[in-house]
Amino acid sequence: MFGLSELAIILIVVIAVIGIKKLPELTRSAGKAARILKAEARAAKDEEAGTGPAPRVVQGEVVPPGTGPTPPGTRPAGTPDHP
């Protein structure tokens, strides 16, 4: 009969054979996650130290509902669902 070490080796080989197709995708997503984590940690550190970049202010105007342009992919209010 098989011992525990033999079963572990067989399990590792089976996982490697089955997972070899997904390995590039997994490493790519792990790299993205590491970059995001690194950027967030740097931003939190800068925020604590007070040395982060100043927030960007964008000037705008208030438009009452129903008076502005209609966003792409939507219909103006009051139009029928079917032509």
Protein backbone atom coordinates (compact mmCIF):
# COMPACT_ATOMS: atom_id res chain seq x y z
CA MET A 1 0.00 0.00 0.00
CA PHE A 2 1.04 3.61 -0.45
CA GLY A 3 2.46 5.62 2.39
CA LEU A 4 1.72 9.24 3.17
CA SER A 5 4.81 10.55 1.35
CA GLU A 6 3.96 8.65 -1.85
CA LEU A 7 0.38 9.99 -1.80
CA ALA A 8 1.68 13.52 -1.29
CA ILE A 9 4.03 13.19 -4.27
CA ILE A 10 1.25 11.82 -6.48
CA LEU A 11 -1.07 14.63 -5.37
CA ILE A 12 1.58 17.27 -6.16
CA VAL A 13 2.16 15.76 -9.63
CA VAL A 14 -1.58 15.64 -10.38
CA ILE A 15 -2.04 19.26 -9.26
CA ALA A 16 0.94 20.34 -11.38
CA VAL A 17 -0.38 18.56 -14.48
CA ILE A 18 -3.91 19.89 -14.08
CA GLY A 19 -2.86 23.38 -13.00
CA ILE A 20 -0.11 23.95 -15.60
CA LYS A 21 -2.61 25.60 -17.96
CA LYS A 22 -3.71 28.10 -15.34
CA LEU A 23 -0.24 28.86 -13.99
CA PRO A 24 0.46 31.91 -16.20
CA GLU A 25 -2.91 33.41 -15.30
CA LEU A 26 -2.32 32.79 -11.60
CA THR A 27 1.13 34.36 -11.64
CA ARG A 28 -0.18 37.38 -13.59
CA SER A 29 -2.99 37.95 -11.09
CA ALA A 30 -0.59 37.48 -8.18
CA GLY A 31 1.71 40.12 -9.69
CA LYS A 32 -1.18 42.56 -10.10
CA ALA A 33 -2.27 41.96 -6.52
CA ALA A 34 1.28 42.55 -5.26
CA ARG A 35 1.54 45.84 -7.20
CA ILE A 36 -1.81 47.03 -5.85
CA LEU A 37 -0.85 46.08 -2.30
CA LYS A 38 2.49 47.86 -2.64
CA ALA A 39 0.86 51.03 -3.99
CA GLU A 40 -1.77 51.05 -1.25
CA ALA A 41 0.84 50.52 1.45
CA ARG A 42 2.91 53.39 0.04
CA ALA A 43 -0.18 55.65 -0.09
CA ALA A 44 -1.09 54.81 3.51
CA LYS A 45 2.47 55.49 4.63
CA ASP A 46 2.50 58.85 2.81
CA GLU A 47 -0.88 59.74 4.29
CA GLU A 48 0.34 59.01 7.82
CA ALA A 49 3.47 61.08 7.29
CA GLY A 50 1.51 63.89 5.65
CA THR A 51 3.82 63.92 2.65
CA GLY A 52 1.29 62.67 0.12
CA PRO A 53 0.38 64.70 -2.94
CA ALA A 54 -2.22 67.41 -2.47
CA PRO A 55 -5.74 66.38 -3.49
CA ARG A 56 -6.72 67.43 -6.98
CA VAL A 57 -9.67 69.82 -7.12
CA VAL A 58 -11.86 69.76 -10.20
CA GLN A 59 -14.14 72.75 -10.70
CA GLY A 60 -17.64 71.96 -11.84
CA GLU A 61 -21.16 73.23 -11.81
CA VAL A 62 -24.40 71.90 -10.37
CA VAL A 63 -26.94 70.89 -12.98
CA PRO A 64 -30.54 70.36 -11.84
CA PRO A 65 -31.93 66.90 -12.66
CA GLY A 66 -33.52 66.63 -16.09
CA THR A 67 -31.77 69.68 -17.57
CA GLY A 68 -28.38 68.23 -18.45
CA PRO A 69 -27.37 66.16 -21.47
CA THR A 70 -28.54 62.54 -21.65
CA PRO A 71 -25.70 60.06 -20.97
CA PRO A 72 -24.81 57.72 -23.83
CA GLY A 73 -26.85 54.51 -23.88
CA THR A 74 -29.86 55.96 -22.03
CA ARG A 75 -33.15 57.43 -23.16
CA PRO A 76 -34.54 60.77 -22.05
CA ALA A 77 -37.32 60.61 -19.49
CA GLY A 78 -40.80 60.18 -20.92
CA THR A 79 -39.81 58.25 -24.05
CA PRO A 80 -41.58 54.91 -24.72
CA ASP A 81 -39.72 51.63 -24.24
CA HIS A 82 -40.48 50.40 -27.74
CA PRO A 83 -40.70 52.58 -30.88
